[in-house]
Amino acid sequence: MAGGLLRAVGNVLGGALSGAGASAYELQEAVGGAQHDRALRGAVAEIKPKFNQCRRCGRWVCQVVCWNPERSLCKECAPVLAEEMASAQAEAVADQVSNRIRESDLIGDMDVTAQAAAQCLKCGATVLGGRFCAECGAPVVATGTCGKCRAKVPEGARFCPECGSRT
């Protein structure tokens, strides 16, 4: 292929590239030739009995994995029902696991209605959860909310009226 490309470019541009293309062709002939062709025919003859051609779609497929011997067609044209059922069951199990996880409470008693911030209001660092910034230690819950129980705290209060925690 490279020799063909060099020959084509050489025909357009001439000069050294044309000679390189011709040399590549000569090298291919020297390496290949009749001996190469015989080896290729032998390899094809050796492997061909391990493949079947589907009469429906025309594709050549391996007998061991892709051929349905009961139908004499490839598995694309004639799926093996036991394999299809096993695959469908595995997909259904995966779907059920996903559904069960979606239905499960993975956040416990976290108040998801409390105002949350994606960034620390003091230093701007990304907040990865919790009540305090991992970078500067500033509270990341909204002002006027208890850091422990998330109850609303009146402006200026030093303690939460619900749980008594220091605000």
Foldseek 3Di string as FASTA:
>chain_A
DVLVVLCVVCVVVNDPSNVSSVVVVVVCCVVDPPVNVVVVVVVCVVCVVQWDAAPPPRDIDGPPPFADVVVRGGCVVPNDVVVVVVVVVVVVVVVVVVVVVVVDDPPPPDDPPFDFDQAAPPPGHGDPDAQARPPPGHGGTDPQADRPPRDGHPPPDQARPPPGHGD
